[in-house]
Amino acid sequence: MTENEIKYDSSLDTRGLFCPEPLFEVRNLSETLEIGQCFKVLADDPAAEEDLKRWAKRTDTKLVEFLKDGDDLVFYFKKMK
């Protein structure tokens, strides 16, 4: 699956924010979404990769795709519960 094929309902740009702000922003967005909705997150904090992957496991959120584009980290998540 390529980035252009991934459909998402919402997106969040956390570039320029550093730990723990991206995690807080993602958590807040996730709380507003319905089960089954997908969302895209952009980050440039190197710690965000580990933080957001760990958050997804802890919250039963599916990491649909993870891409690196230069300094940008691109996550696609699906809310599972």
N, C-alpha and C. Protein backbone atom coordinates (compact mmCIF):
# COMPACT_ATOMS: atom_id res chain seq x y z
N MET A 1 0.85 -1.17 0.00
CA MET A 1 0.00 0.00 0.00
C MET A 1 0.89 1.24 0.00
N THR A 2 0.60 2.18 -0.86
CA THR A 2 1.39 3.40 -0.90
C THR A 2 0.61 4.52 -0.23
N GLU A 3 1.32 5.58 0.08
CA GLU A 3 0.72 6.71 0.78
C GLU A 3 -0.51 7.24 0.05
N ASN A 4 -0.47 7.29 -1.27
CA ASN A 4 -1.59 7.83 -2.03
C ASN A 4 -2.83 6.95 -1.97
N GLU A 5 -2.69 5.68 -1.62
CA GLU A 5 -3.82 4.76 -1.57
C GLU A 5 -4.48 4.72 -0.21
N ILE A 6 -3.84 5.29 0.79
CA ILE A 6 -4.38 5.22 2.15
C ILE A 6 -5.42 6.31 2.34
N LYS A 7 -6.63 5.90 2.68
CA LYS A 7 -7.71 6.84 2.93
C LYS A 7 -7.74 7.15 4.42
N TYR A 8 -7.94 8.41 4.75
CA TYR A 8 -8.02 8.78 6.16
C TYR A 8 -9.09 9.83 6.36
N ASP A 9 -9.66 9.84 7.56
CA ASP A 9 -10.77 10.72 7.90
C ASP A 9 -10.31 12.04 8.49
N SER A 10 -9.13 12.06 9.07
CA SER A 10 -8.62 13.25 9.74
C SER A 10 -7.11 13.24 9.67
N SER A 11 -6.51 14.42 9.83
CA SER A 11 -5.05 14.48 9.84
C SER A 11 -4.59 15.47 10.90
N LEU A 12 -3.36 15.27 11.32
CA LEU A 12 -2.77 16.09 12.37
C LEU A 12 -1.31 16.34 12.03
N ASP A 13 -0.91 17.59 12.04
CA ASP A 13 0.48 17.95 11.76
C ASP A 13 1.13 18.39 13.06
N THR A 14 2.02 17.55 13.60
CA THR A 14 2.71 17.89 14.86
C THR A 14 4.15 18.31 14.60
N ARG A 15 4.50 18.59 13.34
CA ARG A 15 5.87 19.01 13.06
C ARG A 15 6.17 20.30 13.80
N GLY A 16 7.37 20.34 14.38
CA GLY A 16 7.78 21.50 15.17
C GLY A 16 7.50 21.32 16.66
N LEU A 17 6.75 20.28 17.00
CA LEU A 17 6.49 19.97 18.42
C LEU A 17 7.42 18.85 18.86
N PHE A 18 7.76 18.88 20.14
CA PHE A 18 8.69 17.88 20.66
C PHE A 18 8.08 17.18 21.87
N CYS A 19 8.56 15.99 22.12
CA CYS A 19 8.08 15.12 23.18
C CYS A 19 7.85 15.93 24.46
N PRO A 20 6.69 15.80 25.05
CA PRO A 20 5.61 14.85 24.77
C PRO A 20 4.44 15.44 23.98
N GLU A 21 4.58 16.66 23.43
CA GLU A 21 3.45 17.31 22.77
C GLU A 21 2.83 16.50 21.63
N PRO A 22 3.61 15.88 20.71
CA PRO A 22 2.96 15.10 19.64
C PRO A 22 2.05 14.00 20.19
N LEU A 23 2.49 13.34 21.23
CA LEU A 23 1.69 12.27 21.83
C LEU A 23 0.39 12.83 22.40
N PHE A 24 0.45 13.95 23.09
CA PHE A 24 -0.76 14.57 23.64
C PHE A 24 -1.73 14.95 22.53
N GLU A 25 -1.20 15.54 21.45
CA GLU A 25 -2.05 15.96 20.33
C GLU A 25 -2.73 14.75 19.67
N VAL A 26 -1.98 13.67 19.47
CA VAL A 26 -2.53 12.46 18.86
C VAL A 26 -3.61 11.86 19.75
N ARG A 27 -3.35 11.81 21.03
CA ARG A 27 -4.34 11.26 21.96
C ARG A 27 -5.63 12.08 21.93
N ASN A 28 -5.49 13.40 21.92
CA ASN A 28 -6.67 14.26 21.87
C ASN A 28 -7.46 14.05 20.59
N LEU A 29 -6.78 13.95 19.46
CA LEU A 29 -7.47 13.71 18.19
C LEU A 29 -8.18 12.37 18.22
N SER A 30 -7.49 11.33 18.67
CA SER A 30 -8.06 9.99 18.69
C SER A 30 -9.36 9.96 19.50
N GLU A 31 -9.41 10.71 20.59
CA GLU A 31 -10.60 10.72 21.44
C GLU A 31 -11.81 11.32 20.73
N THR A 32 -11.60 12.10 19.67
CA THR A 32 -12.72 12.72 18.95
C THR A 32 -13.23 11.85 17.81
N LEU A 33 -12.52 10.77 17.49
CA LEU A 33 -12.87 9.94 16.34
C LEU A 33 -13.73 8.75 16.73
N GLU A 34 -14.46 8.26 15.75
CA GLU A 34 -15.28 7.06 15.92
C GLU A 34 -14.43 5.82 15.67
N ILE A 35 -14.85 4.70 16.24
CA ILE A 35 -14.18 3.43 15.99
C ILE A 35 -14.21 3.15 14.49
N GLY A 36 -13.08 2.73 13.95
CA GLY A 36 -12.97 2.42 12.53
C GLY A 36 -12.45 3.57 11.69
N GLN A 37 -12.42 4.77 12.24
CA GLN A 37 -11.90 5.90 11.47
C GLN A 37 -10.37 5.86 11.44
N CYS A 38 -9.82 6.33 10.33
CA CYS A 38 -8.37 6.39 10.15
C CYS A 38 -7.91 7.84 10.24
N PHE A 39 -6.67 8.01 10.70
CA PHE A 39 -6.12 9.36 10.75
C PHE A 39 -4.63 9.33 10.44
N LYS A 40 -4.18 10.43 9.86
CA LYS A 40 -2.79 10.60 9.44
C LYS A 40 -2.12 11.57 10.41
N VAL A 41 -0.89 11.25 10.80
CA VAL A 41 -0.13 12.12 11.69
C VAL A 41 1.23 12.39 11.07
N LEU A 42 1.60 13.66 11.01
CA LEU A 42 2.93 14.08 10.57
C LEU A 42 3.71 14.52 11.79
N ALA A 43 4.96 14.10 11.88
CA ALA A 43 5.82 14.50 13.00
C ALA A 43 7.25 14.64 12.49
N ASP A 44 8.05 15.43 13.20
CA ASP A 44 9.47 15.51 12.86
C ASP A 44 10.36 15.36 14.09
N ASP A 45 9.76 15.06 15.22
CA ASP A 45 10.52 14.77 16.44
C ASP A 45 10.97 13.31 16.36
N PRO A 46 12.28 13.04 16.36
CA PRO A 46 12.74 11.65 16.26
C PRO A 46 12.14 10.73 17.32
N ALA A 47 11.83 11.26 18.50
CA ALA A 47 11.24 10.44 19.56
C ALA A 47 9.80 10.03 19.24
N ALA A 48 9.16 10.72 18.31
CA ALA A 48 7.76 10.43 17.99
C ALA A 48 7.58 9.02 17.43
N GLU A 49 8.56 8.51 16.70
CA GLU A 49 8.40 7.17 16.13
C GLU A 49 8.16 6.14 17.23
N GLU A 50 9.02 6.10 18.21
CA GLU A 50 8.86 5.13 19.29
C GLU A 50 7.64 5.47 20.16
N ASP A 51 7.47 6.75 20.48
CA ASP A 51 6.36 7.16 21.35
C ASP A 51 5.01 6.80 20.75
N LEU A 52 4.81 7.10 19.47
CA LEU A 52 3.50 6.87 18.86
C LEU A 52 3.25 5.40 18.57
N LYS A 53 4.30 4.66 18.24
CA LYS A 53 4.12 3.21 18.06
C LYS A 53 3.76 2.56 19.39
N ARG A 54 4.39 2.98 20.46
CA ARG A 54 4.08 2.44 21.79
C ARG A 54 2.66 2.83 22.19
N TRP A 55 2.27 4.07 21.94
CA TRP A 55 0.90 4.53 22.24
C TRP A 55 -0.12 3.68 21.49
N ALA A 56 0.15 3.40 20.22
CA ALA A 56 -0.80 2.62 19.42
C ALA A 56 -1.00 1.23 20.02
N LYS A 57 0.07 0.58 20.42
CA LYS A 57 -0.05 -0.75 21.04
C LYS A 57 -0.83 -0.68 22.35
N ARG A 58 -0.54 0.32 23.13
CA ARG A 58 -1.17 0.47 24.45
C ARG A 58 -2.67 0.75 24.33
N THR A 59 -3.09 1.42 23.27
CA THR A 59 -4.49 1.83 23.12
C THR A 59 -5.24 0.98 22.10
N ASP A 60 -4.63 -0.11 21.64
CA ASP A 60 -5.26 -0.95 20.61
C ASP A 60 -5.63 -0.15 19.37
N THR A 61 -4.78 0.78 19.01
CA THR A 61 -4.93 1.54 17.78
C THR A 61 -4.04 0.88 16.73
N LYS A 62 -4.58 0.61 15.56
CA LYS A 62 -3.81 -0.08 14.53
C LYS A 62 -2.92 0.91 13.78
N LEU A 63 -1.62 0.60 13.71
CA LEU A 63 -0.71 1.37 12.87
C LEU A 63 -0.81 0.77 11.47
N VAL A 64 -1.52 1.47 10.59
CA VAL A 64 -1.78 0.97 9.24
C VAL A 64 -0.52 1.08 8.39
N GLU A 65 0.20 2.19 8.53
CA GLU A 65 1.39 2.42 7.71
C GLU A 65 2.28 3.42 8.44
N PHE A 66 3.58 3.26 8.28
CA PHE A 66 4.55 4.21 8.82
C PHE A 66 5.58 4.47 7.73
N LEU A 67 5.81 5.74 7.43
CA LEU A 67 6.75 6.13 6.38
C LEU A 67 7.69 7.21 6.89
N LYS A 68 8.88 7.21 6.36
CA LYS A 68 9.83 8.29 6.63
C LYS A 68 10.04 9.04 5.33
N ASP A 69 9.89 10.36 5.39
CA ASP A 69 10.07 11.21 4.22
C ASP A 69 11.04 12.32 4.62
N GLY A 70 12.33 12.07 4.44
CA GLY A 70 13.33 13.01 4.92
C GLY A 70 13.28 13.04 6.44
N ASP A 71 13.10 14.23 7.01
CA ASP A 71 12.98 14.36 8.46
C ASP A 71 11.56 14.10 8.95
N ASP A 72 10.61 14.04 8.02
CA ASP A 72 9.21 13.84 8.40
C ASP A 72 8.89 12.38 8.64
N LEU A 73 8.13 12.14 9.69
CA LEU A 73 7.59 10.82 10.00
C LEU A 73 6.10 10.88 9.68
N VAL A 74 5.61 9.90 8.94
CA VAL A 74 4.21 9.88 8.53
C VAL A 74 3.58 8.60 9.06
N PHE A 75 2.57 8.76 9.88
CA PHE A 75 1.86 7.63 10.49
C PHE A 75 0.43 7.61 9.97
N TYR A 76 -0.09 6.42 9.72
CA TYR A 76 -1.51 6.24 9.45
C TYR A 76 -2.03 5.27 10.49
N PHE A 77 -3.01 5.73 11.25
CA PHE A 77 -3.58 4.94 12.34
C PHE A 77 -5.05 4.66 12.06
N LYS A 78 -5.54 3.57 12.64
CA LYS A 78 -6.98 3.26 12.60
C LYS A 78 -7.43 3.01 14.02
N LYS A 79 -8.48 3.73 14.44
CA LYS A 79 -9.01 3.57 15.78
C LYS A 79 -9.80 2.26 15.84
N MET A 80 -9.40 1.37 16.73
CA MET A 80 -10.00 0.04 16.80
C MET A 80 -11.01 -0.12 17.94
N LYS A 81 -10.88 0.71 18.98
CA LYS A 81 -11.88 0.65 20.07
C LYS A 81 -11.88 1.93 20.87
